[in-house]
Amino acid sequence: MLHIYCPHCGEYREEEEFHPRGQAHIARPASPDACSDEEWGTFLYFRKNPRGMHNELWVHSAGCRKFFNLTRDTQTYEIKRVYTLNEQPEAGEQG
């Protein structure tokens, strides 16, 4: 079981209180009305699924209900860093 630190609540909680929401730092299309169906499909459904370091979006669903990002090693499940949405991943955390 993972113990995840919530940057908003300021404490570690059990994994069951959180839900992953996929890849972090996805850029929304600048002009959604001008996107083709293929471009929208790519934006909505195609995500990276790397082996190793990966930046993920999570929500503290059974707590403060706020979103945050974390950097996690997908092979070992080790959480390297937890950070708020207005922060960017550090060098070497790009995944």
C-alpha atoms as a PDB file:
ATOM      1  CA  MET A   1       0.000   0.000   0.000  1.00  0.00           C
ATOM      2  CA  LEU A   2       1.207   3.492  -0.832  1.00  0.00           C
ATOM      3  CA  HIS A   3       1.238   6.291   1.696  1.00  0.00           C
ATOM      4  CA  ILE A   4       0.740   9.527  -0.222  1.00  0.00           C
ATOM      5  CA  TYR A   5       1.524  13.005   1.056  1.00  0.00           C
ATOM      6  CA  CYS A   6      -1.210  15.552   0.315  1.00  0.00           C
ATOM      7  CA  PRO A   7       0.394  18.963  -0.306  1.00  0.00           C
ATOM      8  CA  HIS A   8      -2.877  20.679   0.647  1.00  0.00           C
ATOM      9  CA  CYS A   9      -3.680  18.795   3.886  1.00  0.00           C
ATOM     10  CA  GLY A  10      -0.012  18.542   4.864  1.00  0.00           C
ATOM     11  CA  GLU A  11       0.031  14.927   5.962  1.00  0.00           C
ATOM     12  CA  TYR A  12       0.523  11.376   4.716  1.00  0.00           C
ATOM     13  CA  ARG A  13      -2.601   9.302   4.090  1.00  0.00           C
ATOM     14  CA  GLU A  14      -3.330   5.801   2.822  1.00  0.00           C
ATOM     15  CA  GLU A  15      -3.690   5.208  -0.896  1.00  0.00           C
ATOM     16  CA  GLU A  16      -7.438   4.484  -0.640  1.00  0.00           C
ATOM     17  CA  GLU A  17      -8.116   8.187   0.017  1.00  0.00           C
ATOM     18  CA  PHE A  18      -6.710   9.160  -3.392  1.00  0.00           C
ATOM     19  CA  HIS A  19      -7.535   8.511  -7.035  1.00  0.00           C
ATOM     20  CA  PRO A  20      -5.135   8.802  -9.978  1.00  0.00           C
ATOM     21  CA  ARG A  21      -6.373  10.932 -12.870  1.00  0.00           C
ATOM     22  CA  GLY A  22      -3.737  10.161 -15.483  1.00  0.00           C
ATOM     23  CA  GLN A  23      -0.768  11.932 -16.973  1.00  0.00           C
ATOM     24  CA  ALA A  24       0.095  15.372 -15.590  1.00  0.00           C
ATOM     25  CA  HIS A  25       0.974  18.503 -17.563  1.00  0.00           C
ATOM     26  CA  ILE A  26      -1.264  17.870 -20.586  1.00  0.00           C
ATOM     27  CA  ALA A  27      -1.575  21.025 -22.679  1.00  0.00           C
ATOM     28  CA  ARG A  28      -5.181  21.741 -23.681  1.00  0.00           C
ATOM     29  CA  PRO A  29      -5.549  22.811 -27.342  1.00  0.00           C
ATOM     30  CA  ALA A  30      -5.335  26.610 -27.657  1.00  0.00           C
ATOM     31  CA  SER A  31      -8.271  26.784 -30.065  1.00  0.00           C
ATOM     32  CA  PRO A  32     -10.674  23.897 -29.306  1.00  0.00           C
ATOM     33  CA  ASP A  33     -13.227  24.983 -31.945  1.00  0.00           C
ATOM     34  CA  ALA A  34     -10.587  24.706 -34.659  1.00  0.00           C
ATOM     35  CA  CYS A  35      -9.494  21.150 -33.713  1.00  0.00           C
ATOM     36  CA  SER A  36     -10.327  18.239 -35.951  1.00  0.00           C
ATOM     37  CA  ASP A  37     -11.892  15.075 -34.543  1.00  0.00           C
ATOM     38  CA  GLU A  38      -8.499  13.383 -34.817  1.00  0.00           C
ATOM     39  CA  GLU A  39      -6.793  16.168 -32.825  1.00  0.00           C
ATOM     40  CA  TRP A  40      -9.465  15.988 -30.107  1.00  0.00           C
ATOM     41  CA  GLY A  41      -9.184  12.209 -29.983  1.00  0.00           C
ATOM     42  CA  THR A  42      -5.423  12.464 -29.562  1.00  0.00           C
ATOM     43  CA  PHE A  43      -5.818  15.058 -26.781  1.00  0.00           C
ATOM     44  CA  LEU A  44      -8.471  13.087 -24.909  1.00  0.00           C
ATOM     45  CA  TYR A  45      -7.304   9.489 -25.217  1.00  0.00           C
ATOM     46  CA  PHE A  46      -3.623   9.143 -26.063  1.00  0.00           C
ATOM     47  CA  ARG A  47      -1.314   9.396 -23.071  1.00  0.00           C
ATOM     48  CA  LYS A  48       2.213   8.342 -22.251  1.00  0.00           C
ATOM     49  CA  ASN A  49       2.561   5.142 -20.250  1.00  0.00           C
ATOM     50  CA  PRO A  50       6.303   4.970 -19.613  1.00  0.00           C
ATOM     51  CA  ARG A  51       8.298   2.450 -17.683  1.00  0.00           C
ATOM     52  CA  GLY A  52      10.165   4.447 -15.050  1.00  0.00           C
ATOM     53  CA  MET A  53       9.613   8.055 -13.994  1.00  0.00           C
ATOM     54  CA  HIS A  54       6.162   9.471 -14.737  1.00  0.00           C
ATOM     55  CA  ASN A  55       4.342  12.677 -13.736  1.00  0.00           C
ATOM     56  CA  GLU A  56       0.761  11.940 -12.693  1.00  0.00           C
ATOM     57  CA  LEU A  57      -2.323  13.930 -11.702  1.00  0.00           C
ATOM     58  CA  TRP A  58      -4.033  12.757  -8.477  1.00  0.00           C
ATOM     59  CA  VAL A  59      -6.997  13.908  -6.374  1.00  0.00           C
ATOM     60  CA  HIS A  60      -7.448  13.554  -2.605  1.00  0.00           C
ATOM     61  CA  SER A  61     -11.014  12.307  -3.061  1.00  0.00           C
ATOM     62  CA  ALA A  62     -11.665  11.229   0.549  1.00  0.00           C
ATOM     63  CA  GLY A  63     -10.014  14.285   2.060  1.00  0.00           C
ATOM     64  CA  CYS A  64      -9.698  17.876   0.870  1.00  0.00           C
ATOM     65  CA  ARG A  65     -10.836  16.916  -2.699  1.00  0.00           C
ATOM     66  CA  LYS A  66      -8.033  18.964  -4.254  1.00  0.00           C
ATOM     67  CA  PHE A  67      -5.879  17.952  -7.200  1.00  0.00           C
ATOM     68  CA  PHE A  68      -2.082  17.722  -7.154  1.00  0.00           C
ATOM     69  CA  ASN A  69       0.758  16.205  -9.164  1.00  0.00           C
ATOM     70  CA  LEU A  70       3.257  13.575  -8.185  1.00  0.00           C
ATOM     71  CA  THR A  71       6.299  12.036  -9.787  1.00  0.00           C
ATOM     72  CA  ARG A  72       6.363   8.268  -9.405  1.00  0.00           C
ATOM     73  CA  ASP A  73       8.557   5.445 -10.630  1.00  0.00           C
ATOM     74  CA  THR A  74       6.147   3.083 -12.376  1.00  0.00           C
ATOM     75  CA  GLN A  75       8.478   0.099 -11.910  1.00  0.00           C
ATOM     76  CA  THR A  76       9.035   0.382  -8.157  1.00  0.00           C
ATOM     77  CA  TYR A  77       5.959   2.500  -7.233  1.00  0.00           C
ATOM     78  CA  GLU A  78       8.287   4.820  -5.309  1.00  0.00           C
ATOM     79  CA  ILE A  79       6.918   8.349  -5.087  1.00  0.00           C
ATOM     80  CA  LYS A  80       9.758  10.768  -5.768  1.00  0.00           C
ATOM     81  CA  ARG A  81       7.951  14.086  -5.319  1.00  0.00           C
ATOM     82  CA  VAL A  82       4.494  15.520  -4.623  1.00  0.00           C
ATOM     83  CA  TYR A  83       3.712  19.063  -5.771  1.00  0.00           C
ATOM     84  CA  THR A  84       0.784  21.418  -6.405  1.00  0.00           C
ATOM     85  CA  LEU A  85      -0.723  22.118  -9.823  1.00  0.00           C
ATOM     86  CA  ASN A  86       0.952  25.515 -10.173  1.00  0.00           C
ATOM     87  CA  GLU A  87       4.432  23.947  -9.852  1.00  0.00           C
ATOM     88  CA  GLN A  88       6.402  22.281 -12.624  1.00  0.00           C
ATOM     89  CA  PRO A  89       8.394  19.036 -12.402  1.00  0.00           C
ATOM     90  CA  GLU A  90      12.075  19.439 -11.597  1.00  0.00           C
ATOM     91  CA  ALA A  91      14.816  18.611 -14.067  1.00  0.00           C
ATOM     92  CA  GLY A  92      15.130  14.860 -14.387  1.00  0.00           C
ATOM     93  CA  GLU A  93      11.512  14.292 -13.381  1.00  0.00           C
ATOM     94  CA  GLN A  94      10.155  14.622 -16.885  1.00  0.00           C
ATOM     95  CA  GLY A  95       8.355  11.446 -17.730  1.00  0.00           C
END
